[in-house]
Amino acid sequence: MLLNDIKFLDKLRNYEKDGINEETIELLEPYLKQQGEWLNLTFANKASKSAGGILNWVVNIHDYHLKSKIVKPKQAFLVVMEGKLKVAMRELEKSQEELR
């Protein structure tokens, strides 16, 4: 059983959150939509602190995934633009040297 794994907490801490796929998110969403009805942090914490912690982790991984879909394209664009800036700065330096 997964919860009996001695390294379970380490696996959660080191979880490759950028590698989560859309299918996993789609499978989680019906459960997460029930938050507030029977699935909520207060209820989970009453059942056990571990259950509350795991629920909190799942909700945060889900939120991270949704937000990363907005941020990742912007990060990729930033890398491209930084590369173009570097090339432009080299050209500027060459032009300044020619002017001197």
PDB file of N, CA and C in Angstrom:
ATOM      1  N   MET A   1       0.831  -1.165   0.000  1.00  0.00           N
ATOM      2  CA  MET A   1       0.000   0.000   0.000  1.00  0.00           C
ATOM      3  C   MET A   1       0.890   1.247   0.000  1.00  0.00           C
ATOM      4  N   LEU A   2       0.491   2.257  -0.712  1.00  0.00           N
ATOM      5  CA  LEU A   2       1.281   3.469  -0.893  1.00  0.00           C
ATOM      6  C   LEU A   2       1.558   4.189   0.421  1.00  0.00           C
ATOM      7  N   LEU A   3       0.581   4.279   1.296  1.00  0.00           N
ATOM      8  CA  LEU A   3       0.758   4.998   2.553  1.00  0.00           C
ATOM      9  C   LEU A   3       1.721   4.289   3.503  1.00  0.00           C
ATOM     10  N   ASN A   4       1.928   2.993   3.316  1.00  0.00           N
ATOM     11  CA  ASN A   4       2.863   2.241   4.144  1.00  0.00           C
ATOM     12  C   ASN A   4       4.303   2.405   3.676  1.00  0.00           C
ATOM     13  N   ASP A   5       4.498   3.022   2.520  1.00  0.00           N
ATOM     14  CA  ASP A   5       5.829   3.237   1.973  1.00  0.00           C
ATOM     15  C   ASP A   5       6.594   4.203   2.874  1.00  0.00           C
ATOM     16  N   ILE A   6       7.757   3.796   3.327  1.00  0.00           N
ATOM     17  CA  ILE A   6       8.566   4.624   4.218  1.00  0.00           C
ATOM     18  C   ILE A   6       8.961   5.933   3.536  1.00  0.00           C
ATOM     19  N   LYS A   7       9.118   5.910   2.241  1.00  0.00           N
ATOM     20  CA  LYS A   7       9.553   7.101   1.511  1.00  0.00           C
ATOM     21  C   LYS A   7       8.384   7.889   0.908  1.00  0.00           C
ATOM     22  N   PHE A   8       7.184   7.626   1.389  1.00  0.00           N
ATOM     23  CA  PHE A   8       5.996   8.285   0.838  1.00  0.00           C
ATOM     24  C   PHE A   8       6.095   9.808   0.929  1.00  0.00           C
ATOM     25  N   LEU A   9       6.482  10.328   2.081  1.00  0.00           N
ATOM     26  CA  LEU A   9       6.587  11.776   2.271  1.00  0.00           C
ATOM     27  C   LEU A   9       7.660  12.368   1.353  1.00  0.00           C
ATOM     28  N   ASP A  10       8.778  11.661   1.229  1.00  0.00           N
ATOM     29  CA  ASP A  10       9.835  12.121   0.315  1.00  0.00           C
ATOM     30  C   ASP A  10       9.342  12.132  -1.128  1.00  0.00           C
ATOM     31  N   LYS A  11       8.537  11.148  -1.483  1.00  0.00           N
ATOM     32  CA  LYS A  11       7.991  11.101  -2.847  1.00  0.00           C
ATOM     33  C   LYS A  11       7.065  12.283  -3.105  1.00  0.00           C
ATOM     34  N   LEU A  12       6.291  12.673  -2.102  1.00  0.00           N
ATOM     35  CA  LEU A  12       5.428  13.842  -2.251  1.00  0.00           C
ATOM     36  C   LEU A  12       6.262  15.111  -2.368  1.00  0.00           C
ATOM     37  N   ARG A  13       7.278  15.233  -1.544  1.00  0.00           N
ATOM     38  CA  ARG A  13       8.138  16.423  -1.579  1.00  0.00           C
ATOM     39  C   ARG A  13       8.863  16.558  -2.905  1.00  0.00           C
ATOM     40  N   ASN A  14       9.292  15.430  -3.461  1.00  0.00           N
ATOM     41  CA  ASN A  14      10.088  15.443  -4.692  1.00  0.00           C
ATOM     42  C   ASN A  14       9.261  15.133  -5.934  1.00  0.00           C
ATOM     43  N   TYR A  15       7.964  15.196  -5.810  1.00  0.00           N
ATOM     44  CA  TYR A  15       7.070  14.883  -6.926  1.00  0.00           C
ATOM     45  C   TYR A  15       7.365  15.805  -8.105  1.00  0.00           C
ATOM     46  N   GLU A  16       7.451  15.233  -9.291  1.00  0.00           N
ATOM     47  CA  GLU A  16       7.724  16.009 -10.505  1.00  0.00           C
ATOM     48  C   GLU A  16       6.428  16.679 -10.947  1.00  0.00           C
ATOM     49  N   LYS A  17       6.156  17.824 -10.333  1.00  0.00           N
ATOM     50  CA  LYS A  17       4.885  18.514 -10.568  1.00  0.00           C
ATOM     51  C   LYS A  17       4.762  19.045 -11.987  1.00  0.00           C
ATOM     52  N   ASP A  18       5.886  19.277 -12.651  1.00  0.00           N
ATOM     53  CA  ASP A  18       5.820  19.747 -14.037  1.00  0.00           C
ATOM     54  C   ASP A  18       5.526  18.603 -15.003  1.00  0.00           C
ATOM     55  N   GLY A  19       5.621  17.378 -14.517  1.00  0.00           N
ATOM     56  CA  GLY A  19       5.391  16.231 -15.376  1.00  0.00           C
ATOM     57  C   GLY A  19       3.979  15.673 -15.324  1.00  0.00           C
ATOM     58  N   ILE A  20       3.112  16.292 -14.552  1.00  0.00           N
ATOM     59  CA  ILE A  20       1.742  15.781 -14.429  1.00  0.00           C
ATOM     60  C   ILE A  20       1.013  15.984 -15.762  1.00  0.00           C
ATOM     61  N   ASN A  21       0.259  14.994 -16.168  1.00  0.00           N
ATOM     62  CA  ASN A  21      -0.391  15.092 -17.484  1.00  0.00           C
ATOM     63  C   ASN A  21      -1.857  15.505 -17.345  1.00  0.00           C
ATOM     64  N   GLU A  22      -2.408  15.893 -18.470  1.00  0.00           N
ATOM     65  CA  GLU A  22      -3.795  16.375 -18.498  1.00  0.00           C
ATOM     66  C   GLU A  22      -4.791  15.302 -18.070  1.00  0.00           C
ATOM     67  N   GLU A  23      -4.498  14.053 -18.401  1.00  0.00           N
ATOM     68  CA  GLU A  23      -5.415  12.968 -18.047  1.00  0.00           C
ATOM     69  C   GLU A  23      -5.555  12.862 -16.523  1.00  0.00           C
ATOM     70  N   THR A  24      -4.436  12.981 -15.814  1.00  0.00           N
ATOM     71  CA  THR A  24      -4.471  12.918 -14.356  1.00  0.00           C
ATOM     72  C   THR A  24      -5.293  14.070 -13.792  1.00  0.00           C
ATOM     73  N   ILE A  25      -5.107  15.257 -14.338  1.00  0.00           N
ATOM     74  CA  ILE A  25      -5.861  16.428 -13.892  1.00  0.00           C
ATOM     75  C   ILE A  25      -7.354  16.217 -14.157  1.00  0.00           C
ATOM     76  N   GLU A  26      -7.683  15.692 -15.318  1.00  0.00           N
ATOM     77  CA  GLU A  26      -9.094  15.435 -15.649  1.00  0.00           C
ATOM     78  C   GLU A  26      -9.709  14.420 -14.697  1.00  0.00           C
ATOM     79  N   LEU A  27      -8.932  13.425 -14.299  1.00  0.00           N
ATOM     80  CA  LEU A  27      -9.439  12.422 -13.363  1.00  0.00           C
ATOM     81  C   LEU A  27      -9.624  13.000 -11.958  1.00  0.00           C
ATOM     82  N   LEU A  28      -8.817  13.977 -11.594  1.00  0.00           N
ATOM     83  CA  LEU A  28      -8.928  14.607 -10.270  1.00  0.00           C
ATOM     84  C   LEU A  28     -10.101  15.567 -10.166  1.00  0.00           C
ATOM     85  N   GLU A  29     -10.411  16.245 -11.243  1.00  0.00           N
ATOM     86  CA  GLU A  29     -11.368  17.347 -11.188  1.00  0.00           C
ATOM     87  C   GLU A  29     -12.746  16.981 -10.642  1.00  0.00           C
ATOM     88  N   PRO A  30     -13.337  15.833 -10.982  1.00  0.00           N
ATOM     89  CA  PRO A  30     -14.653  15.527 -10.385  1.00  0.00           C
ATOM     90  C   PRO A  30     -14.595  15.485  -8.856  1.00  0.00           C
ATOM     91  N   TYR A  31     -13.479  15.003  -8.309  1.00  0.00           N
ATOM     92  CA  TYR A  31     -13.347  14.941  -6.855  1.00  0.00           C
ATOM     93  C   TYR A  31     -13.131  16.335  -6.276  1.00  0.00           C
ATOM     94  N   LEU A  32     -12.300  17.114  -6.942  1.00  0.00           N
ATOM     95  CA  LEU A  32     -12.004  18.455  -6.436  1.00  0.00           C
ATOM     96  C   LEU A  32     -13.204  19.384  -6.540  1.00  0.00           C
ATOM     97  N   LYS A  33     -14.090  19.128  -7.491  1.00  0.00           N
ATOM     98  CA  LYS A  33     -15.304  19.930  -7.608  1.00  0.00           C
ATOM     99  C   LYS A  33     -16.250  19.666  -6.440  1.00  0.00           C
ATOM    100  N   GLN A  34     -16.085  18.541  -5.780  1.00  0.00           N
ATOM    101  CA  GLN A  34     -16.932  18.204  -4.634  1.00  0.00           C
ATOM    102  C   GLN A  34     -16.416  18.830  -3.341  1.00  0.00           C
ATOM    103  N   GLN A  35     -15.321  19.585  -3.437  1.00  0.00           N
ATOM    104  CA  GLN A  35     -14.832  20.266  -2.253  1.00  0.00           C
ATOM    105  C   GLN A  35     -15.921  21.181  -1.732  1.00  0.00           C
ATOM    106  N   GLY A  36     -16.088  21.171  -0.462  1.00  0.00           N
ATOM    107  CA  GLY A  36     -17.143  21.987   0.134  1.00  0.00           C
ATOM    108  C   GLY A  36     -18.334  21.138   0.504  1.00  0.00           C
ATOM    109  N   GLU A  37     -18.656  20.159  -0.316  1.00  0.00           N
ATOM    110  CA  GLU A  37     -19.776  19.268   0.020  1.00  0.00           C
ATOM    111  C   GLU A  37     -19.293  18.274   1.081  1.00  0.00           C
ATOM    112  N   TRP A  38     -18.626  17.250   0.659  1.00  0.00           N
ATOM    113  CA  TRP A  38     -18.142  16.270   1.624  1.00  0.00           C
ATOM    114  C   TRP A  38     -16.626  16.210   1.654  1.00  0.00           C
ATOM    115  N   LEU A  39     -15.989  16.779   0.639  1.00  0.00           N
ATOM    116  CA  LEU A  39     -14.532  16.745   0.572  1.00  0.00           C
ATOM    117  C   LEU A  39     -14.006  18.143   0.850  1.00  0.00           C
ATOM    118  N   ASN A  40     -13.542  18.361   2.072  1.00  0.00           N
ATOM    119  CA  ASN A  40     -12.946  19.649   2.406  1.00  0.00           C
ATOM    120  C   ASN A  40     -11.869  19.437   3.462  1.00  0.00           C
ATOM    121  N   LEU A  41     -11.039  20.443   3.619  1.00  0.00           N
ATOM    122  CA  LEU A  41      -9.887  20.331   4.507  1.00  0.00           C
ATOM    123  C   LEU A  41     -10.300  20.108   5.966  1.00  0.00           C
ATOM    124  N   THR A  42     -11.351  20.756   6.410  1.00  0.00           N
ATOM    125  CA  THR A  42     -11.815  20.595   7.793  1.00  0.00           C
ATOM    126  C   THR A  42     -12.244  19.159   8.048  1.00  0.00           C
ATOM    127  N   PHE A  43     -13.038  18.624   7.126  1.00  0.00           N
ATOM    128  CA  PHE A  43     -13.520  17.247   7.245  1.00  0.00           C
ATOM    129  C   PHE A  43     -12.350  16.267   7.201  1.00  0.00           C
ATOM    130  N   ALA A  44     -11.421  16.505   6.269  1.00  0.00           N
ATOM    131  CA  ALA A  44     -10.263  15.612   6.136  1.00  0.00           C
ATOM    132  C   ALA A  44      -9.395  15.662   7.394  1.00  0.00           C
ATOM    133  N   ASN A  45      -9.181  16.842   7.939  1.00  0.00           N
ATOM    134  CA  ASN A  45      -8.376  16.963   9.159  1.00  0.00           C
ATOM    135  C   ASN A  45      -9.035  16.292  10.350  1.00  0.00           C
ATOM    136  N   LYS A  46     -10.387  16.294  10.377  1.00  0.00           N
ATOM    137  CA  LYS A  46     -11.083  15.584  11.458  1.00  0.00           C
ATOM    138  C   LYS A  46     -10.878  14.085  11.338  1.00  0.00           C
ATOM    139  N   ALA A  47     -10.835  13.599  10.091  1.00  0.00           N
ATOM    140  CA  ALA A  47     -10.598  12.173   9.882  1.00  0.00           C
ATOM    141  C   ALA A  47      -9.177  11.815  10.304  1.00  0.00           C
ATOM    142  N   SER A  48      -8.210  12.609   9.842  1.00  0.00           N
ATOM    143  CA  SER A  48      -6.815  12.443  10.263  1.00  0.00           C
ATOM    144  C   SER A  48      -6.005  13.600   9.712  1.00  0.00           C
ATOM    145  N   LYS A  49      -4.970  13.970  10.441  1.00  0.00           N
ATOM    146  CA  LYS A  49      -4.090  15.053   9.988  1.00  0.00           C
ATOM    147  C   LYS A  49      -3.419  14.665   8.678  1.00  0.00           C
ATOM    148  N   SER A  50      -3.115  13.388   8.518  1.00  0.00           N
ATOM    149  CA  SER A  50      -2.479  12.921   7.281  1.00  0.00           C
ATOM    150  C   SER A  50      -3.414  13.102   6.093  1.00  0.00           C
ATOM    151  N   ALA A  51      -4.677  12.767   6.277  1.00  0.00           N
ATOM    152  CA  ALA A  51      -5.654  12.930   5.194  1.00  0.00           C
ATOM    153  C   ALA A  51      -5.774  14.401   4.814  1.00  0.00           C
ATOM    154  N   GLY A  52      -5.778  15.278   5.815  1.00  0.00           N
ATOM    155  CA  GLY A  52      -5.842  16.709   5.543  1.00  0.00           C
ATOM    156  C   GLY A  52      -4.618  17.188   4.783  1.00  0.00           C
ATOM    157  N   GLY A  53      -3.463  16.704   5.178  1.00  0.00           N
ATOM    158  CA  GLY A  53      -2.216  17.077   4.496  1.00  0.00           C
ATOM    159  C   GLY A  53      -2.188  16.607   3.057  1.00  0.00           C
ATOM    160  N   ILE A  54      -2.638  15.382   2.821  1.00  0.00           N
ATOM    161  CA  ILE A  54      -2.659  14.836   1.461  1.00  0.00           C
ATOM    162  C   ILE A  54      -3.661  15.592   0.606  1.00  0.00           C
ATOM    163  N   LEU A  55      -4.831  15.883   1.153  1.00  0.00           N
ATOM    164  CA  LEU A  55      -5.824  16.655   0.403  1.00  0.00           C
ATOM    165  C   LEU A  55      -5.268  18.028   0.045  1.00  0.00           C
ATOM    166  N   ASN A  56      -4.643  18.677   0.991  1.00  0.00           N
ATOM    167  CA  ASN A  56      -4.048  19.989   0.755  1.00  0.00           C
ATOM    168  C   ASN A  56      -2.986  19.895  -0.350  1.00  0.00           C
ATOM    169  N   TRP A  57      -2.158  18.862  -0.320  1.00  0.00           N
ATOM    170  CA  TRP A  57      -1.119  18.651  -1.333  1.00  0.00           C
ATOM    171  C   TRP A  57      -1.754  18.473  -2.705  1.00  0.00           C
ATOM    172  N   VAL A  58      -2.782  17.643  -2.805  1.00  0.00           N
ATOM    173  CA  VAL A  58      -3.448  17.390  -4.085  1.00  0.00           C
ATOM    174  C   VAL A  58      -4.047  18.675  -4.651  1.00  0.00           C
ATOM    175  N   VAL A  59      -4.715  19.436  -3.809  1.00  0.00           N
ATOM    176  CA  VAL A  59      -5.328  20.695  -4.254  1.00  0.00           C
ATOM    177  C   VAL A  59      -4.247  21.645  -4.762  1.00  0.00           C
ATOM    178  N   ASN A  60      -3.141  21.726  -4.049  1.00  0.00           N
ATOM    179  CA  ASN A  60      -2.069  22.626  -4.465  1.00  0.00           C
ATOM    180  C   ASN A  60      -1.372  22.167  -5.736  1.00  0.00           C
ATOM    181  N   ILE A  61      -1.191  20.878  -5.916  1.00  0.00           N
ATOM    182  CA  ILE A  61      -0.608  20.366  -7.163  1.00  0.00           C
ATOM    183  C   ILE A  61      -1.547  20.695  -8.323  1.00  0.00           C
ATOM    184  N   HIS A  62      -2.838  20.519  -8.129  1.00  0.00           N
ATOM    185  CA  HIS A  62      -3.828  20.830  -9.157  1.00  0.00           C
ATOM    186  C   HIS A  62      -3.767  22.317  -9.518  1.00  0.00           C
ATOM    187  N   ASP A  63      -3.740  23.174  -8.509  1.00  0.00           N
ATOM    188  CA  ASP A  63      -3.659  24.620  -8.753  1.00  0.00           C
ATOM    189  C   ASP A  63      -2.360  24.991  -9.459  1.00  0.00           C
ATOM    190  N   TYR A  64      -1.261  24.374  -9.039  1.00  0.00           N
ATOM    191  CA  TYR A  64       0.033  24.625  -9.681  1.00  0.00           C
ATOM    192  C   TYR A  64      -0.043  24.283 -11.167  1.00  0.00           C
ATOM    193  N   HIS A  65      -0.639  23.139 -11.466  1.00  0.00           N
ATOM    194  CA  HIS A  65      -0.741  22.712 -12.861  1.00  0.00           C
ATOM    195  C   HIS A  65      -1.536  23.718 -13.696  1.00  0.00           C
ATOM    196  N   LEU A  66      -2.658  24.160 -13.169  1.00  0.00           N
ATOM    197  CA  LEU A  66      -3.484  25.119 -13.906  1.00  0.00           C
ATOM    198  C   LEU A  66      -2.745  26.441 -14.124  1.00  0.00           C
ATOM    199  N   LYS A  67      -2.045  26.907 -13.118  1.00  0.00           N
ATOM    200  CA  LYS A  67      -1.313  28.170 -13.241  1.00  0.00           C
ATOM    201  C   LYS A  67      -0.085  28.027 -14.122  1.00  0.00           C
ATOM    202  N   SER A  68       0.538  26.859 -14.098  1.00  0.00           N
ATOM    203  CA  SER A  68       1.728  26.658 -14.925  1.00  0.00           C
ATOM    204  C   SER A  68       1.380  26.651 -16.415  1.00  0.00           C
ATOM    205  N   LYS A  69       0.135  26.297 -16.739  1.00  0.00           N
ATOM    206  CA  LYS A  69      -0.285  26.339 -18.145  1.00  0.00           C
ATOM    207  C   LYS A  69      -0.297  27.775 -18.666  1.00  0.00           C
ATOM    208  N   ILE A  70      -0.438  28.731 -17.778  1.00  0.00           N
ATOM    209  CA  ILE A  70      -0.399  30.149 -18.150  1.00  0.00           C
ATOM    210  C   ILE A  70       1.044  30.648 -18.159  1.00  0.00           C
ATOM    211  N   VAL A  71       1.819  30.225 -17.179  1.00  0.00           N
ATOM    212  CA  VAL A  71       3.170  30.756 -16.993  1.00  0.00           C
ATOM    213  C   VAL A  71       4.187  30.134 -17.954  1.00  0.00           C
ATOM    214  N   LYS A  72       4.114  28.834 -18.209  1.00  0.00           N
ATOM    215  CA  LYS A  72       5.127  28.159 -19.034  1.00  0.00           C
ATOM    216  C   LYS A  72       5.292  28.778 -20.410  1.00  0.00           C
ATOM    217  N   PRO A  73       4.222  29.080 -21.145  1.00  0.00           N
ATOM    218  CA  PRO A  73       4.426  29.720 -22.458  1.00  0.00           C
ATOM    219  C   PRO A  73       5.116  31.085 -22.326  1.00  0.00           C
ATOM    220  N   LYS A  74       4.811  31.797 -21.266  1.00  0.00           N
ATOM    221  CA  LYS A  74       5.434  33.098 -21.049  1.00  0.00           C
ATOM    222  C   LYS A  74       6.920  32.932 -20.723  1.00  0.00           C
ATOM    223  N   GLN A  75       7.261  31.890 -19.978  1.00  0.00           N
ATOM    224  CA  GLN A  75       8.663  31.623 -19.674  1.00  0.00           C
ATOM    225  C   GLN A  75       9.425  31.267 -20.948  1.00  0.00           C
ATOM    226  N   ALA A  76       8.801  30.459 -21.807  1.00  0.00           N
ATOM    227  CA  ALA A  76       9.442  30.090 -23.074  1.00  0.00           C
ATOM    228  C   ALA A  76       9.644  31.336 -23.940  1.00  0.00           C
ATOM    229  N   PHE A  77       8.655  32.206 -23.989  1.00  0.00           N
ATOM    230  CA  PHE A  77       8.756  33.449 -24.753  1.00  0.00           C
ATOM    231  C   PHE A  77       9.881  34.316 -24.190  1.00  0.00           C
ATOM    232  N   LEU A  78      10.004  34.356 -22.866  1.00  0.00           N
ATOM    233  CA  LEU A  78      11.056  35.133 -22.222  1.00  0.00           C
ATOM    234  C   LEU A  78      12.436  34.629 -22.635  1.00  0.00           C
ATOM    235  N   VAL A  79      12.612  33.323 -22.682  1.00  0.00           N
ATOM    236  CA  VAL A  79      13.896  32.743 -23.083  1.00  0.00           C
ATOM    237  C   VAL A  79      14.240  33.161 -24.511  1.00  0.00           C
ATOM    238  N   VAL A  80      13.253  33.108 -25.405  1.00  0.00           N
ATOM    239  CA  VAL A  80      13.477  33.510 -26.794  1.00  0.00           C
ATOM    240  C   VAL A  80      13.843  34.984 -26.863  1.00  0.00           C
ATOM    241  N   MET A  81      13.115  35.802 -26.149  1.00  0.00           N
ATOM    242  CA  MET A  81      13.372  37.245 -26.174  1.00  0.00           C
ATOM    243  C   MET A  81      14.728  37.589 -25.553  1.00  0.00           C
ATOM    244  N   GLU A  82      15.130  36.873 -24.509  1.00  0.00           N
ATOM    245  CA  GLU A  82      16.447  37.097 -23.913  1.00  0.00           C
ATOM    246  C   GLU A  82      17.550  36.742 -24.903  1.00  0.00           C
ATOM    247  N   GLY A  83      17.336  35.676 -25.679  1.00  0.00           N
ATOM    248  CA  GLY A  83      18.295  35.294 -26.720  1.00  0.00           C
ATOM    249  C   GLY A  83      18.404  36.385 -27.777  1.00  0.00           C
ATOM    250  N   LYS A  84      17.269  36.916 -28.199  1.00  0.00           N
ATOM    251  CA  LYS A  84      17.278  38.009 -29.190  1.00  0.00           C
ATOM    252  C   LYS A  84      17.946  39.249 -28.619  1.00  0.00           C
ATOM    253  N   LEU A  85      17.713  39.533 -27.352  1.00  0.00           N
ATOM    254  CA  LEU A  85      18.348  40.682 -26.710  1.00  0.00           C
ATOM    255  C   LEU A  85      19.862  40.516 -26.693  1.00  0.00           C
ATOM    256  N   LYS A  86      20.315  39.311 -26.382  1.00  0.00           N
ATOM    257  CA  LYS A  86      21.751  39.038 -26.340  1.00  0.00           C
ATOM    258  C   LYS A  86      22.387  39.297 -27.708  1.00  0.00           C
ATOM    259  N   VAL A  87      21.729  38.840 -28.776  1.00  0.00           N
ATOM    260  CA  VAL A  87      22.227  39.063 -30.137  1.00  0.00           C
ATOM    261  C   VAL A  87      22.234  40.557 -30.444  1.00  0.00           C
ATOM    262  N   ALA A  88      21.167  41.256 -30.093  1.00  0.00           N
ATOM    263  CA  ALA A  88      21.076  42.696 -30.351  1.00  0.00           C
ATOM    264  C   ALA A  88      22.148  43.458 -29.574  1.00  0.00           C
ATOM    265  N   MET A  89      22.418  43.038 -28.354  1.00  0.00           N
ATOM    266  CA  MET A  89      23.450  43.703 -27.554  1.00  0.00           C
ATOM    267  C   MET A  89      24.833  43.500 -28.169  1.00  0.00           C
ATOM    268  N   ARG A  90      25.099  42.316 -28.711  1.00  0.00           N
ATOM    269  CA  ARG A  90      26.374  42.069 -29.397  1.00  0.00           C
ATOM    270  C   ARG A  90      26.505  42.974 -30.614  1.00  0.00           C
ATOM    271  N   GLU A  91      25.425  43.096 -31.368  1.00  0.00           N
ATOM    272  CA  GLU A  91      25.438  43.965 -32.545  1.00  0.00           C
ATOM    273  C   GLU A  91      25.641  45.425 -32.140  1.00  0.00           C
ATOM    274  N   LEU A  92      25.021  45.828 -31.048  1.00  0.00           N
ATOM    275  CA  LEU A  92      25.190  47.190 -30.547  1.00  0.00           C
ATOM    276  C   LEU A  92      26.642  47.439 -30.156  1.00  0.00           C
ATOM    277  N   GLU A  93      27.247  46.488 -29.454  1.00  0.00           N
ATOM    278  CA  GLU A  93      28.650  46.628 -29.057  1.00  0.00           C
ATOM    279  C   GLU A  93      29.552  46.749 -30.275  1.00  0.00           C
ATOM    280  N   LYS A  94      29.285  45.943 -31.306  1.00  0.00           N
ATOM    281  CA  LYS A  94      30.084  46.016 -32.542  1.00  0.00           C
ATOM    282  C   LYS A  94      29.931  47.391 -33.179  1.00  0.00           C
ATOM    283  N   SER A  95      28.706  47.876 -33.228  1.00  0.00           N
ATOM    284  CA  SER A  95      28.447  49.177 -33.828  1.00  0.00           C
ATOM    285  C   SER A  95      29.133  50.286 -33.023  1.00  0.00           C
ATOM    286  N   GLN A  96      29.099  50.184 -31.707  1.00  0.00           N
ATOM    287  CA  GLN A  96      29.763  51.194 -30.870  1.00  0.00           C
ATOM    288  C   GLN A  96      31.262  51.166 -31.070  1.00  0.00           C
ATOM    289  N   GLU A  97      31.831  49.965 -31.216  1.00  0.00           N
ATOM    290  CA  GLU A  97      33.271  49.841 -31.482  1.00  0.00           C
ATOM    291  C   GLU A  97      33.631  50.480 -32.820  1.00  0.00           C
ATOM    292  N   GLU A  98      32.794  50.279 -33.827  1.00  0.00           N
ATOM    293  CA  GLU A  98      33.048  50.864 -35.146  1.00  0.00           C
ATOM    294  C   GLU A  98      33.007  52.378 -35.073  1.00  0.00           C
ATOM    295  N   LEU A  99      32.111  52.919 -34.266  1.00  0.00           N
ATOM    296  CA  LEU A  99      31.992  54.369 -34.137  1.00  0.00           C
ATOM    297  C   LEU A  99      33.209  54.998 -33.437  1.00  0.00           C
ATOM    298  N   ARG A 100      33.862  54.221 -32.591  1.00  0.00           N
ATOM    299  CA  ARG A 100      35.019  54.749 -31.850  1.00  0.00           C
ATOM    300  C   ARG A 100      36.178  54.734 -32.792  1.00  0.00           C
TER     301      ARG A 100
END
